[in-house]
């Protein structure tokens, strides 16, 4: 069994939490609370990787992710 450590982005909105995995294009989910969102993204990532593996596709895309801030004046 291969192990992957992947970056995720968690955003909170009025409906709960939205989570995406930028290293896997199109891999995202949501949850009504933080724990549910984390569990859901783990499932989404697992399914995404299983699908790629079944289609004999490369499992990982090399992608660097960083988080920063910018100042914007109005």
Protein backbone atom coordinates (compact mmCIF):
# COMPACT_ATOMS: atom_id res chain seq x y z
CA UNK A 1 0.00 0.00 0.00
CA UNK A 2 1.42 3.37 -1.04
CA UNK A 3 1.07 6.40 1.21
CA UNK A 4 0.54 9.96 -0.05
CA UNK A 5 0.80 13.24 1.83
CA UNK A 6 -1.06 15.91 -0.10
CA UNK A 7 -1.83 19.58 0.48
CA UNK A 8 -5.45 20.61 0.95
CA UNK A 9 -7.16 23.99 1.08
CA UNK A 10 -10.02 24.44 3.54
CA UNK A 11 -12.44 27.34 3.17
CA UNK A 12 -15.31 28.11 5.50
CA UNK A 13 -18.53 29.60 4.18
CA UNK A 14 -22.12 30.00 5.36
CA UNK A 15 -22.95 26.38 4.44
CA UNK A 16 -19.96 24.75 6.15
CA UNK A 17 -16.55 23.92 4.74
CA UNK A 18 -15.27 23.56 1.17
CA UNK A 19 -12.06 21.53 0.74
CA UNK A 20 -9.91 21.05 -2.34
CA UNK A 21 -6.68 19.24 -3.13
CA UNK A 22 -4.71 21.44 -5.56
CA UNK A 23 -2.29 18.62 -6.39
CA UNK A 24 -5.20 16.64 -7.90
CA UNK A 25 -7.07 18.76 -10.42
CA UNK A 26 -10.82 18.57 -9.88
CA UNK A 27 -10.58 16.88 -6.49
CA UNK A 28 -12.80 18.75 -4.05
CA UNK A 29 -15.67 18.24 -1.62
CA UNK A 30 -17.52 19.88 1.24
CA UNK A 31 -18.86 19.19 4.69
CA UNK A 32 -21.24 20.78 7.15
CA UNK A 33 -18.46 20.83 9.77
CA UNK A 34 -14.66 20.67 9.76
CA UNK A 35 -14.35 16.98 10.66
CA UNK A 36 -16.87 15.94 8.02
CA UNK A 37 -15.06 18.02 5.39
CA UNK A 38 -11.71 16.39 6.25
CA UNK A 39 -13.22 12.89 6.12
CA UNK A 40 -14.86 13.72 2.79
CA UNK A 41 -11.65 15.02 1.19
CA UNK A 42 -9.79 11.89 2.28
CA UNK A 43 -12.46 9.80 0.55
CA UNK A 44 -12.40 12.05 -2.53
CA UNK A 45 -8.59 11.80 -2.78
CA UNK A 46 -8.67 8.02 -2.35
CA UNK A 47 -11.32 7.66 -5.07
CA UNK A 48 -9.46 10.06 -7.37
CA UNK A 49 -6.21 8.10 -7.03
CA UNK A 50 -7.97 4.72 -7.39
CA UNK A 51 -9.60 5.95 -10.60
CA UNK A 52 -6.27 7.13 -12.00
CA UNK A 53 -4.64 3.85 -11.06
CA UNK A 54 -7.43 1.83 -12.72
CA UNK A 55 -6.94 3.87 -15.90
CA UNK A 56 -3.15 3.36 -15.76
CA UNK A 57 -2.60 7.09 -15.37
CA UNK A 58 0.18 8.77 -13.42
CA UNK A 59 -0.92 9.03 -9.79
CA UNK A 60 0.70 12.32 -8.88
CA UNK A 61 1.23 15.66 -10.47
CA UNK A 62 4.24 17.59 -9.24
CA UNK A 63 2.72 20.76 -7.92
CA UNK A 64 4.04 23.19 -5.39
CA UNK A 65 1.44 24.92 -3.24
CA UNK A 66 2.02 27.92 -1.04
CA UNK A 67 -0.30 30.21 0.84
CA UNK A 68 0.33 33.90 1.12
CA UNK A 69 -1.50 37.22 1.46
CA UNK A 70 -1.62 40.39 -0.58
CA UNK A 71 -2.68 43.93 0.34
CA UNK A 72 -5.31 45.56 -1.85
CA UNK A 73 -6.55 49.13 -1.42
CA UNK A 74 -9.95 50.43 -2.52
